[in-house]
N, C-alpha and C. Protein backbone atom coordinates (compact mmCIF):
# COMPACT_ATOMS: atom_id res chain seq x y z
N MET A 1 149.71 50.51 124.07
CA MET A 1 149.35 49.69 122.93
C MET A 1 147.87 49.90 122.58
N ALA A 2 147.56 49.65 121.34
CA ALA A 2 146.21 49.86 120.84
C ALA A 2 145.28 48.71 121.22
N LYS A 3 143.99 49.03 121.25
CA LYS A 3 142.98 48.02 121.59
C LYS A 3 142.96 46.89 120.56
N SER A 4 143.08 47.25 119.28
CA SER A 4 143.04 46.22 118.24
C SER A 4 144.23 45.28 118.32
N PHE A 5 145.36 45.79 118.78
CA PHE A 5 146.54 44.94 118.95
C PHE A 5 146.25 43.86 120.00
N TRP A 6 145.72 44.27 121.14
CA TRP A 6 145.45 43.31 122.22
C TRP A 6 144.32 42.35 121.85
N LEU A 7 143.32 42.85 121.15
CA LEU A 7 142.24 41.95 120.71
C LEU A 7 142.78 40.92 119.71
N GLY A 8 143.70 41.34 118.85
CA GLY A 8 144.32 40.41 117.92
C GLY A 8 145.17 39.37 118.62
N ILE A 9 145.93 39.79 119.63
CA ILE A 9 146.78 38.85 120.37
C ILE A 9 145.93 37.85 121.15
N ILE A 10 144.93 38.34 121.88
CA ILE A 10 144.08 37.44 122.67
C ILE A 10 143.27 36.52 121.77
N GLY A 11 142.73 37.06 120.68
CA GLY A 11 142.01 36.22 119.72
C GLY A 11 142.90 35.17 119.10
N GLY A 12 144.15 35.54 118.81
CA GLY A 12 145.10 34.58 118.25
C GLY A 12 145.44 33.47 119.22
N ILE A 13 145.58 33.82 120.49
CA ILE A 13 145.88 32.79 121.50
C ILE A 13 144.72 31.80 121.60
N PHE A 14 143.50 32.34 121.67
CA PHE A 14 142.34 31.44 121.74
C PHE A 14 142.17 30.64 120.44
N GLY A 15 142.52 31.24 119.31
CA GLY A 15 142.47 30.53 118.04
C GLY A 15 143.47 29.39 117.97
N ILE A 16 144.66 29.62 118.50
CA ILE A 16 145.67 28.56 118.54
C ILE A 16 145.21 27.43 119.45
N ILE A 17 144.62 27.79 120.58
CA ILE A 17 144.09 26.76 121.49
C ILE A 17 142.99 25.96 120.79
N GLY A 18 142.09 26.65 120.08
CA GLY A 18 141.04 25.94 119.34
C GLY A 18 141.59 25.08 118.23
N GLY A 19 142.66 25.55 117.56
CA GLY A 19 143.29 24.75 116.52
C GLY A 19 143.95 23.50 117.08
N ILE A 20 144.60 23.64 118.23
CA ILE A 20 145.21 22.48 118.88
C ILE A 20 144.14 21.49 119.30
N LEU A 21 143.02 22.00 119.78
CA LEU A 21 141.90 21.13 120.14
C LEU A 21 141.39 20.37 118.92
N ALA A 22 141.26 21.06 117.78
CA ALA A 22 140.82 20.39 116.56
C ALA A 22 141.84 19.35 116.09
N ILE A 23 143.12 19.65 116.22
CA ILE A 23 144.16 18.68 115.85
C ILE A 23 144.07 17.44 116.74
N MET A 24 143.85 17.66 118.03
CA MET A 24 143.73 16.52 118.95
C MET A 24 142.50 15.67 118.61
N ILE A 25 141.39 16.31 118.30
CA ILE A 25 140.19 15.56 117.95
C ILE A 25 140.40 14.80 116.64
N GLY A 26 141.07 15.45 115.67
CA GLY A 26 141.37 14.76 114.42
C GLY A 26 142.32 13.58 114.62
N GLY A 27 143.29 13.75 115.53
CA GLY A 27 144.22 12.65 115.82
C GLY A 27 143.54 11.48 116.51
N ILE A 28 142.67 11.80 117.44
CA ILE A 28 141.92 10.73 118.12
C ILE A 28 141.01 10.02 117.13
N GLY A 29 140.37 10.80 116.26
CA GLY A 29 139.52 10.19 115.24
C GLY A 29 140.30 9.31 114.29
N GLY A 30 141.52 9.75 113.96
CA GLY A 30 142.37 8.94 113.09
C GLY A 30 142.81 7.66 113.76
N ALA A 31 143.03 7.70 115.07
CA ALA A 31 143.44 6.50 115.80
C ALA A 31 142.33 5.46 115.80
N PHE A 32 141.09 5.93 115.79
CA PHE A 32 139.95 5.01 115.76
C PHE A 32 139.41 4.79 114.35
N ASP A 33 140.17 5.26 113.36
CA ASP A 33 139.84 5.08 111.95
C ASP A 33 138.45 5.62 111.60
N ILE A 34 138.16 6.82 112.06
CA ILE A 34 136.89 7.48 111.77
C ILE A 34 137.07 8.32 110.51
N SER A 35 136.12 8.21 109.59
CA SER A 35 136.25 8.96 108.34
C SER A 35 136.10 10.45 108.59
N GLY A 36 136.86 11.25 107.88
CA GLY A 36 136.83 12.69 108.02
C GLY A 36 137.74 13.23 109.10
N SER A 37 138.45 12.36 109.80
CA SER A 37 139.32 12.84 110.87
C SER A 37 140.52 13.60 110.33
N PHE A 38 141.00 13.24 109.14
CA PHE A 38 142.12 13.97 108.55
C PHE A 38 141.70 15.39 108.17
N THR A 39 140.45 15.55 107.77
CA THR A 39 139.93 16.88 107.45
C THR A 39 139.91 17.77 108.69
N VAL A 40 139.49 17.22 109.82
CA VAL A 40 139.47 17.98 111.07
C VAL A 40 140.90 18.35 111.47
N PHE A 41 141.82 17.42 111.28
CA PHE A 41 143.23 17.68 111.58
C PHE A 41 143.75 18.84 110.71
N GLY A 42 143.46 18.79 109.42
CA GLY A 42 143.90 19.84 108.51
C GLY A 42 143.29 21.19 108.82
N LEU A 43 142.01 21.20 109.18
CA LEU A 43 141.36 22.45 109.53
C LEU A 43 141.93 23.03 110.83
N GLY A 44 142.38 22.18 111.73
CA GLY A 44 143.06 22.66 112.93
C GLY A 44 144.37 23.36 112.59
N LEU A 45 145.12 22.80 111.65
CA LEU A 45 146.36 23.44 111.21
C LEU A 45 146.08 24.78 110.53
N ILE A 46 145.03 24.82 109.72
CA ILE A 46 144.65 26.07 109.06
C ILE A 46 144.23 27.11 110.09
N ALA A 47 143.52 26.69 111.14
CA ALA A 47 143.09 27.61 112.18
C ALA A 47 144.30 28.21 112.91
N ILE A 48 145.32 27.41 113.14
CA ILE A 48 146.53 27.94 113.78
C ILE A 48 147.21 28.95 112.87
N LEU A 49 147.29 28.66 111.59
CA LEU A 49 147.89 29.60 110.63
C LEU A 49 147.10 30.90 110.58
N ILE A 50 145.78 30.81 110.52
CA ILE A 50 144.93 32.01 110.50
C ILE A 50 145.10 32.80 111.79
N SER A 51 145.24 32.13 112.91
CA SER A 51 145.43 32.81 114.19
C SER A 51 146.74 33.60 114.21
N ILE A 52 147.79 33.01 113.67
CA ILE A 52 149.08 33.70 113.61
C ILE A 52 148.98 34.92 112.70
N ILE A 53 148.30 34.77 111.58
CA ILE A 53 148.11 35.90 110.67
C ILE A 53 147.29 37.00 111.34
N GLY A 54 146.25 36.62 112.09
CA GLY A 54 145.44 37.59 112.81
C GLY A 54 146.22 38.32 113.88
N MET A 55 147.10 37.60 114.56
CA MET A 55 147.94 38.25 115.57
C MET A 55 148.87 39.27 114.94
N ALA A 56 149.42 38.93 113.79
CA ALA A 56 150.32 39.85 113.10
C ALA A 56 149.55 41.05 112.54
N ALA A 57 148.32 40.84 112.11
CA ALA A 57 147.52 41.93 111.55
C ALA A 57 147.17 42.96 112.60
N GLY A 58 147.01 42.54 113.84
CA GLY A 58 146.73 43.50 114.90
C GLY A 58 147.88 44.44 115.15
N ALA A 59 149.08 44.04 114.78
CA ALA A 59 150.26 44.87 115.01
C ALA A 59 150.63 45.74 113.81
N LEU A 60 149.92 45.59 112.70
CA LEU A 60 150.24 46.39 111.52
C LEU A 60 149.94 47.86 111.76
N SER A 61 150.76 48.72 111.20
CA SER A 61 150.54 50.16 111.38
C SER A 61 149.51 50.71 110.40
N ASP A 62 149.35 50.08 109.24
CA ASP A 62 148.34 50.52 108.27
C ASP A 62 146.96 50.09 108.76
N GLN A 63 146.11 51.06 109.03
CA GLN A 63 144.81 50.79 109.65
C GLN A 63 143.89 50.00 108.72
N LYS A 64 143.80 50.35 107.46
CA LYS A 64 142.86 49.70 106.55
C LYS A 64 143.28 48.26 106.24
N ILE A 65 144.55 48.05 105.99
CA ILE A 65 145.02 46.69 105.66
C ILE A 65 144.93 45.80 106.89
N GLY A 66 145.39 46.30 108.04
CA GLY A 66 145.32 45.51 109.27
C GLY A 66 143.90 45.17 109.66
N GLY A 67 143.00 46.14 109.53
CA GLY A 67 141.59 45.89 109.84
C GLY A 67 140.97 44.88 108.88
N GLY A 68 141.31 44.99 107.61
CA GLY A 68 140.78 44.03 106.63
C GLY A 68 141.28 42.61 106.87
N ILE A 69 142.55 42.49 107.24
CA ILE A 69 143.09 41.17 107.52
C ILE A 69 142.46 40.58 108.79
N LEU A 70 142.26 41.42 109.80
CA LEU A 70 141.60 40.94 111.03
C LEU A 70 140.17 40.49 110.74
N LEU A 71 139.44 41.23 109.92
CA LEU A 71 138.08 40.83 109.56
C LEU A 71 138.09 39.52 108.76
N SER A 72 139.06 39.38 107.86
CA SER A 72 139.18 38.13 107.09
C SER A 72 139.55 36.96 108.00
N ALA A 73 140.41 37.23 108.98
CA ALA A 73 140.80 36.17 109.93
C ALA A 73 139.60 35.74 110.77
N ALA A 74 138.73 36.69 111.10
CA ALA A 74 137.53 36.34 111.87
C ALA A 74 136.65 35.38 111.09
N ILE A 75 136.45 35.66 109.82
CA ILE A 75 135.63 34.78 108.98
C ILE A 75 136.32 33.43 108.78
N GLY A 76 137.62 33.47 108.49
CA GLY A 76 138.37 32.24 108.22
C GLY A 76 138.43 31.31 109.41
N ILE A 77 138.65 31.84 110.60
CA ILE A 77 138.77 30.96 111.76
C ILE A 77 137.41 30.39 112.13
N PHE A 78 136.35 31.15 111.91
CA PHE A 78 135.02 30.61 112.19
C PHE A 78 134.67 29.49 111.22
N ILE A 79 135.06 29.64 109.97
CA ILE A 79 134.81 28.58 109.00
C ILE A 79 135.67 27.35 109.30
N ALA A 80 136.91 27.57 109.70
CA ALA A 80 137.83 26.45 109.91
C ALA A 80 137.44 25.58 111.09
N ILE A 81 137.18 26.18 112.25
CA ILE A 81 136.94 25.34 113.43
C ILE A 81 135.59 25.61 114.09
N SER A 82 134.68 26.21 113.38
CA SER A 82 133.29 26.41 113.79
C SER A 82 133.11 26.81 115.24
N LEU A 83 132.57 25.92 116.06
CA LEU A 83 132.21 26.27 117.43
C LEU A 83 133.43 26.62 118.28
N ALA A 84 134.54 25.96 118.07
CA ALA A 84 135.76 26.29 118.83
C ALA A 84 136.34 27.62 118.39
N GLY A 85 135.88 28.15 117.26
CA GLY A 85 136.40 29.40 116.76
C GLY A 85 135.50 30.60 116.99
N VAL A 86 134.44 30.44 117.78
CA VAL A 86 133.52 31.55 118.01
C VAL A 86 134.20 32.68 118.77
N LEU A 87 134.86 32.37 119.88
CA LEU A 87 135.50 33.41 120.68
C LEU A 87 136.61 34.12 119.92
N PRO A 88 137.54 33.41 119.27
CA PRO A 88 138.55 34.14 118.50
C PRO A 88 137.94 34.93 117.34
N ALA A 89 136.89 34.40 116.72
CA ALA A 89 136.26 35.13 115.62
C ALA A 89 135.64 36.43 116.11
N ILE A 90 134.99 36.41 117.27
CA ILE A 90 134.41 37.63 117.83
C ILE A 90 135.51 38.63 118.18
N LEU A 91 136.59 38.16 118.79
CA LEU A 91 137.69 39.06 119.14
C LEU A 91 138.35 39.65 117.89
N PHE A 92 138.58 38.83 116.87
CA PHE A 92 139.14 39.33 115.62
C PHE A 92 138.19 40.31 114.95
N LEU A 93 136.90 40.03 114.99
CA LEU A 93 135.90 40.90 114.38
C LEU A 93 135.87 42.27 115.05
N ILE A 94 135.82 42.28 116.36
CA ILE A 94 135.80 43.56 117.09
C ILE A 94 137.12 44.32 116.87
N GLY A 95 138.24 43.62 116.96
CA GLY A 95 139.53 44.25 116.72
C GLY A 95 139.66 44.79 115.30
N GLY A 96 139.15 44.04 114.33
CA GLY A 96 139.21 44.49 112.95
C GLY A 96 138.34 45.71 112.70
N LEU A 97 137.15 45.73 113.30
CA LEU A 97 136.28 46.89 113.15
C LEU A 97 136.89 48.13 113.80
N ILE A 98 137.45 47.95 114.99
CA ILE A 98 138.09 49.08 115.67
C ILE A 98 139.26 49.60 114.84
N LYS A 99 140.08 48.69 114.33
CA LYS A 99 141.26 49.09 113.58
C LYS A 99 140.86 49.72 112.24
N TYR A 100 139.82 49.20 111.60
CA TYR A 100 139.41 49.70 110.30
C TYR A 100 138.72 51.06 110.39
N ILE A 101 137.88 51.24 111.40
CA ILE A 101 137.08 52.46 111.51
C ILE A 101 137.84 53.58 112.20
N GLN A 102 138.49 53.27 113.31
CA GLN A 102 139.16 54.31 114.10
C GLN A 102 140.66 54.31 113.85
N ASN A 103 141.25 55.37 114.25
CA ASN A 103 142.71 55.46 114.28
C ASN A 103 143.14 55.35 115.72
N ASP A 104 143.28 54.12 116.20
CA ASP A 104 143.66 53.94 117.61
C ASP A 104 145.12 53.89 117.71
């Protein structure tokens, strides 16, 4: 298997974990009636969706499209869950650059 495939899978797993963490924080905030908790909950769901898309992009056979989607997923997950998304964003970024530049 290619390096970008594994970076996409591992980044997606960490992204899903970060999204679940954001959902839990949003749920706890909602239980205590803290403003903005629904936004955190929604961003956690978006982070999970972006992680799934990033995992699928690592498996694409088209190098340019897969690399572009992985790079977009890196930016999207970092915006969605900020600090919890640093590790998946770095993994998606490296995987996207490898997939876009090289033919692995």
